[in-house]
Amino acid sequence: MSYKSILVNLDIDGPAEPVVKAASELAQRSGARLIGFCAADAYLPVTGPEGVALATEVMQQMREDDERRFKELRAEFERLVAGAVETGWRQATEGPTYALVQMARTADLIVTQARRGATTGDRARAADPGSVALQAGRPLLVVGAGTEQRVGRKVVVAWKDTKEARRAVFDAVPLLQDANDVVVATVASTIDQWAREGIADVVSFLARHGVASRSETVESHRESESLVELIDRHDADLVVSGAYGHSRLREWAFGGVTRSLLDEIRLNRFMSN
C-alpha cells in the first residue's frame, strides 16, 4: 500500500518552498506522481453604480496578476522538485477551497500549508484546510509552520472509536510504515475496558501492516489541551486524527479537537473524514 498520486496545494500569496519540499520528499518515498496546484479568485470590489466600469477594470487587472503569479509558482514548483519525481500542474481561477476539493479526484493524498489557524482569512486567495478535510473525500496533510522537509518520523495517532478516526488510521498507513516511532493515544474523561480493548485493536491492526506502535491512554476532561501536551511530550512531528465537523449554514462547525489541531499551526496534521 502506498500513495501513487499526491496533490500539493500552493497558496497564491504564500511561500511555496516549505510545502513543495515536504510534498516532494513524500512523493519520492512513495514513488508517487506529484501534482502542483494553485487557485485564486478575482472579485468585483464593492462600489456604487457609478463605479462599475472601474471595478470591472480592477477585477480584470487582478486576473492578469494572478495569471502571472500562476506562471511564477509553476516555475518555482518545477525548480524545487527538480525532476526527482514525475510531476503535473493544474491551476484554476475560482475559489481555492472549492477548486481544491474538486481536484481531490486526481490524488490519493492532498498536501497543503496553513499559515493561520482553523480559518485562513481571505477565501478568495487561500484554501480553508478544515473545509477541505471535511469535503474532499481524501486524506489531508497540513504542513506546519517551520516544518523540516521530512514529515512523519515520530507520529501520534489521536484515536477514538469513530469512523473518522478509523478512516484516518487506514489512510495514514503508508506514512506510519516509514515512521521511527508511532504512539496510538486515547485522551478521554474516562478510560474504561472498552477503550483499552479498542486501542489494543488499533495497535494490532497496524502491526499487520508492518507498523510497530505502542498505546497510551490519558484520563482528562481537557481533551484538546491534554492531546497537544501528549504530542509535545513525545516530540511528535505528525499527528494523525479524524476530522470532525458539519455544515452550519454557509460555514463549517468543527469538533473541539479538530479545531484545536487546526489552530496548532506549528504541527504537521494528517486528517481524514
Protein backbone atom coordinates (compact mmCIF):
# COMPACT_ATOMS: atom_id res chain seq x y z
CA MET A 1 0.00 0.00 0.00
CA SER A 2 1.40 3.39 -0.99
CA TYR A 3 0.36 6.76 -2.34
CA LYS A 4 0.52 6.79 -6.13
CA SER A 5 -0.57 10.39 -6.69
CA ILE A 6 -0.08 13.38 -4.38
CA LEU A 7 -1.68 16.77 -4.89
CA VAL A 8 0.20 19.70 -3.36
CA ASN A 9 -1.73 22.94 -2.94
CA LEU A 10 0.14 26.25 -3.19
CA ASP A 11 -1.42 29.44 -1.84
CA ILE A 12 -1.09 32.13 -4.48
CA ASP A 13 0.22 34.70 -1.97
CA GLY A 14 2.16 32.32 0.26
CA PRO A 15 5.66 30.83 0.19
CA ALA A 16 5.82 27.71 -1.96
CA GLU A 17 9.10 26.21 -0.80
CA PRO A 18 8.14 24.59 2.56
CA VAL A 19 5.06 22.76 1.31
CA VAL A 20 6.60 21.76 -2.03
CA LYS A 21 9.73 20.35 -0.37
CA ALA A 22 7.67 18.36 2.13
CA ALA A 23 5.38 17.02 -0.59
CA SER A 24 8.27 16.24 -2.92
CA GLU A 25 10.11 14.26 -0.24
CA LEU A 26 6.95 12.29 0.47
CA ALA A 27 6.39 11.65 -3.25
CA GLN A 28 9.94 10.35 -3.57
CA ARG A 29 9.44 7.97 -0.65
CA SER A 30 6.19 6.71 -2.14
CA GLY A 31 7.21 6.67 -5.80
CA ALA A 32 4.20 8.91 -6.42
CA ARG A 33 3.36 11.42 -9.10
CA LEU A 34 3.30 14.94 -7.65
CA ILE A 35 0.72 17.41 -8.96
CA GLY A 36 1.22 21.08 -8.19
CA PHE A 37 -1.95 23.10 -7.85
CA CYS A 38 -2.91 26.72 -7.27
CA ALA A 39 -6.24 28.50 -7.37
CA ALA A 40 -7.33 32.06 -6.72
CA ASP A 41 -10.45 34.06 -7.45
CA ALA A 42 -10.85 37.65 -8.54
CA TYR A 43 -13.89 39.55 -7.33
CA LEU A 44 -15.56 42.85 -8.02
CA PRO A 45 -14.70 45.49 -5.42
CA VAL A 46 -17.72 46.83 -3.55
CA THR A 47 -18.80 50.01 -5.30
CA GLY A 48 -21.82 52.03 -6.33
CA PRO A 49 -23.41 52.03 -9.80
CA GLU A 50 -21.13 54.82 -10.97
CA GLY A 51 -18.05 52.73 -10.22
CA VAL A 52 -18.97 49.55 -12.12
CA ALA A 53 -16.65 50.24 -15.05
CA LEU A 54 -13.70 50.96 -12.77
CA ALA A 55 -14.46 47.89 -10.62
CA THR A 56 -14.55 45.69 -13.72
CA GLU A 57 -11.18 47.08 -14.78
CA VAL A 58 -9.74 46.35 -11.33
CA MET A 59 -11.04 42.78 -11.44
CA GLN A 60 -9.52 42.22 -14.86
CA GLN A 61 -6.18 43.51 -13.57
CA MET A 62 -6.42 41.10 -10.63
CA ARG A 63 -6.97 38.20 -13.02
CA GLU A 64 -3.96 39.19 -15.11
CA ASP A 65 -1.83 39.50 -11.96
CA ASP A 66 -2.99 36.06 -10.85
CA GLU A 67 -2.10 34.54 -14.23
CA ARG A 68 1.42 35.92 -13.89
CA ARG A 69 1.63 34.53 -10.38
CA PHE A 70 0.46 31.10 -11.58
CA LYS A 71 3.36 31.05 -14.04
CA GLU A 72 5.84 32.07 -11.32
CA LEU A 73 4.57 29.39 -8.92
CA ARG A 74 4.67 26.70 -11.59
CA ALA A 75 8.27 27.57 -12.38
CA GLU A 76 9.17 27.53 -8.69
CA PHE A 77 7.38 24.20 -8.19
CA GLU A 78 9.31 22.61 -11.05
CA ARG A 79 12.60 24.09 -9.81
CA LEU A 80 12.09 22.76 -6.28
CA VAL A 81 11.11 19.26 -7.42
CA ALA A 82 13.97 19.32 -9.95
CA GLY A 83 12.90 16.15 -11.76
CA ALA A 84 13.02 13.98 -8.62
CA VAL A 85 9.55 12.57 -9.37
CA GLU A 86 7.00 12.68 -12.16
CA THR A 87 5.05 15.93 -11.95
CA GLY A 88 1.95 17.63 -13.26
CA TRP A 89 0.47 21.10 -12.87
CA ARG A 90 -3.09 22.40 -12.54
CA GLN A 91 -4.46 25.86 -11.84
CA ALA A 92 -7.90 27.40 -11.51
CA THR A 93 -9.42 30.86 -11.47
CA GLU A 94 -12.08 30.21 -8.85
CA GLY A 95 -12.46 29.84 -5.09
CA PRO A 96 -9.41 27.92 -3.77
CA THR A 97 -11.34 25.71 -1.34
CA TYR A 98 -13.91 24.66 -3.93
CA ALA A 99 -11.26 24.14 -6.60
CA LEU A 100 -9.02 22.05 -4.32
CA VAL A 101 -11.94 19.85 -3.27
CA GLN A 102 -12.75 19.21 -6.93
CA MET A 103 -9.10 18.44 -7.73
CA ALA A 104 -9.02 15.84 -4.95
CA ARG A 105 -10.26 13.34 -7.55
CA THR A 106 -6.76 13.26 -9.04
CA ALA A 107 -4.87 12.13 -5.93
CA ASP A 108 -4.54 9.68 -3.05
CA LEU A 109 -3.38 12.44 -0.70
CA ILE A 110 -3.65 16.23 -0.55
CA VAL A 111 -0.80 18.27 0.95
CA THR A 112 -1.31 21.90 1.87
CA GLN A 113 0.01 24.53 4.24
CA ALA A 114 -1.96 26.84 6.51
CA ARG A 115 -0.32 29.97 7.82
CA ARG A 116 -3.31 30.63 10.03
CA GLY A 117 -5.50 28.50 12.25
CA ALA A 118 -8.91 26.95 11.68
CA THR A 119 -9.81 29.73 9.25
CA THR A 120 -7.46 31.14 6.64
CA GLY A 121 -8.85 34.65 6.19
CA ASP A 122 -9.30 35.62 2.55
CA ARG A 123 -11.03 32.63 0.99
CA ALA A 124 -10.58 34.05 -2.49
CA ARG A 125 -6.82 33.66 -2.04
CA ALA A 126 -6.26 30.60 0.16
CA ALA A 127 -7.97 27.25 0.67
CA ASP A 128 -9.54 26.57 4.07
CA PRO A 129 -7.94 23.32 5.32
CA GLY A 130 -10.80 22.42 7.64
CA SER A 131 -13.36 22.64 4.86
CA VAL A 132 -11.09 20.66 2.52
CA ALA A 133 -10.67 17.90 5.11
CA LEU A 134 -14.43 17.59 5.54
CA GLN A 135 -15.37 17.72 1.86
CA ALA A 136 -12.56 16.30 -0.26
CA GLY A 137 -13.05 12.58 0.34
CA ARG A 138 -9.26 12.26 0.52
CA PRO A 139 -6.82 12.48 3.43
CA LEU A 140 -5.28 15.90 4.01
CA LEU A 141 -1.77 16.56 5.28
CA VAL A 142 -1.47 20.11 6.60
CA VAL A 143 2.21 21.04 6.75
CA GLY A 144 3.09 23.03 9.86
CA ALA A 145 4.94 26.32 10.01
CA GLY A 146 8.70 25.87 10.06
CA THR A 147 8.41 22.20 9.15
CA GLU A 148 11.54 20.34 8.16
CA GLN A 149 11.49 18.64 4.81
CA ARG A 150 10.70 15.13 6.10
CA VAL A 151 7.33 14.62 7.76
CA GLY A 152 6.45 11.67 9.98
CA ARG A 153 9.48 10.49 11.93
CA LYS A 154 7.59 10.49 15.24
CA VAL A 155 3.83 10.14 14.99
CA VAL A 156 0.96 10.34 17.44
CA VAL A 157 -2.32 8.78 16.32
CA ALA A 158 -5.17 10.53 18.14
CA TRP A 159 -7.55 7.61 18.50
CA LYS A 160 -11.23 7.47 19.30
CA ASP A 161 -13.50 4.72 18.02
CA THR A 162 -15.26 6.67 15.27
CA LYS A 163 -15.49 6.24 11.51
CA GLU A 164 -13.37 9.38 11.02
CA ALA A 165 -10.52 8.04 13.16
CA ARG A 166 -10.74 4.59 11.56
CA ARG A 167 -10.52 6.22 8.13
CA ALA A 168 -7.54 8.35 9.21
CA VAL A 169 -5.58 5.37 10.56
CA PHE A 170 -6.11 3.41 7.35
CA ASP A 171 -5.27 6.38 5.11
CA ALA A 172 -2.10 7.11 7.10
CA VAL A 173 -0.65 3.57 6.87
CA PRO A 174 1.92 4.48 4.16
CA LEU A 175 3.24 7.29 6.37
CA LEU A 176 3.20 5.16 9.51
CA GLN A 177 5.17 2.40 7.79
CA ASP A 178 8.05 4.85 7.33
CA ALA A 179 7.91 6.29 10.86
CA ASN A 180 10.56 5.67 13.50
CA ASP A 181 8.11 5.91 16.41
CA VAL A 182 4.30 5.58 16.49
CA VAL A 183 2.12 6.13 19.56
CA VAL A 184 -1.60 5.37 19.40
CA ALA A 185 -3.14 7.60 22.06
CA THR A 186 -6.60 7.98 23.54
CA VAL A 187 -7.45 11.01 25.65
CA ALA A 188 -10.84 10.87 27.35
CA SER A 189 -12.55 11.83 30.57
CA THR A 190 -12.87 8.12 31.43
CA ILE A 191 -10.67 5.30 30.17
CA ASP A 192 -12.61 2.06 30.57
CA GLN A 193 -12.01 -1.52 29.45
CA TRP A 194 -13.83 -0.90 26.16
CA ALA A 195 -11.45 1.96 25.36
CA ARG A 196 -8.39 -0.15 26.23
CA GLU A 197 -9.58 -3.00 24.03
CA GLY A 198 -10.22 -0.58 21.17
CA ILE A 199 -6.76 0.96 21.27
CA ALA A 200 -5.18 -2.50 21.52
CA ASP A 201 -7.05 -3.50 18.35
CA VAL A 202 -5.60 -0.49 16.52
CA VAL A 203 -2.07 -1.44 17.58
CA SER A 204 -2.71 -4.99 16.30
CA PHE A 205 -4.18 -3.68 13.04
CA LEU A 206 -1.10 -1.55 12.43
CA ALA A 207 1.22 -4.46 13.26
CA ARG A 208 -0.42 -6.48 10.47
CA HIS A 209 0.54 -3.64 8.14
CA GLY A 210 4.15 -3.68 9.28
CA VAL A 211 3.83 -0.73 11.68
CA ALA A 212 5.33 -1.16 15.14
CA SER A 213 3.37 1.02 17.56
CA ARG A 214 2.52 1.29 21.23
CA SER A 215 -0.51 2.60 23.04
CA GLU A 216 -1.01 5.31 25.63
CA THR A 217 -4.13 6.48 27.42
CA VAL A 218 -4.74 9.71 29.29
CA GLU A 219 -7.72 10.42 31.51
CA SER A 220 -8.57 14.09 31.26
CA HIS A 221 -11.57 16.37 30.93
CA ARG A 222 -9.34 18.73 28.92
CA GLU A 223 -9.26 16.56 25.82
CA SER A 224 -7.79 19.04 23.34
CA GLU A 225 -5.21 20.53 25.71
CA SER A 226 -4.13 17.14 27.02
CA LEU A 227 -3.73 15.78 23.49
CA VAL A 228 -1.44 18.66 22.50
CA GLU A 229 0.56 18.15 25.71
CA LEU A 230 0.95 14.45 24.84
CA ILE A 231 2.09 15.31 21.31
CA ASP A 232 4.70 17.67 22.72
CA ARG A 233 5.82 15.17 25.34
CA HIS A 234 6.59 12.63 22.61
CA ASP A 235 8.23 15.29 20.45
CA ALA A 236 6.00 14.14 17.59
CA ASP A 237 6.34 15.82 14.21
CA LEU A 238 3.00 14.48 12.94
CA VAL A 239 -0.44 13.90 14.45
CA VAL A 240 -2.98 11.65 12.73
CA SER A 241 -6.65 12.23 13.54
CA GLY A 242 -10.17 12.10 12.23
CA ALA A 243 -11.66 15.39 11.05
CA TYR A 244 -14.93 16.08 12.82
CA GLY A 245 -17.40 18.71 11.73
CA HIS A 246 -20.64 19.53 9.98
CA SER A 247 -22.13 22.20 7.77
CA ARG A 248 -23.84 25.07 9.52
CA LEU A 249 -25.48 27.47 7.07
CA ARG A 250 -22.54 28.64 4.89
CA GLU A 251 -19.85 27.86 7.46
CA TRP A 252 -18.36 24.68 8.89
CA ALA A 253 -18.59 23.92 12.58
CA PHE A 254 -15.63 21.83 13.73
CA GLY A 255 -15.37 19.45 16.65
CA GLY A 256 -13.29 20.66 19.59
CA VAL A 257 -10.21 18.51 18.93
CA THR A 258 -10.34 19.17 15.18
CA ARG A 259 -10.45 22.93 15.73
CA SER A 260 -7.66 22.71 18.30
CA LEU A 261 -5.40 20.81 15.89
CA LEU A 262 -6.21 23.17 13.03
CA ASP A 263 -5.18 26.05 15.27
CA GLU A 264 -1.83 24.39 16.11
CA ILE A 265 -0.10 25.73 13.00
CA ARG A 266 3.33 24.57 14.22
CA LEU A 267 2.23 20.90 13.89
CA ASN A 268 2.00 18.67 10.85
CA ARG A 269 -1.56 17.36 10.88
CA PHE A 270 -2.91 14.39 8.89
CA MET A 271 -6.73 14.35 8.81
CA SER A 272 -9.43 12.22 7.22
CA ASN A 273 -13.19 12.35 7.34
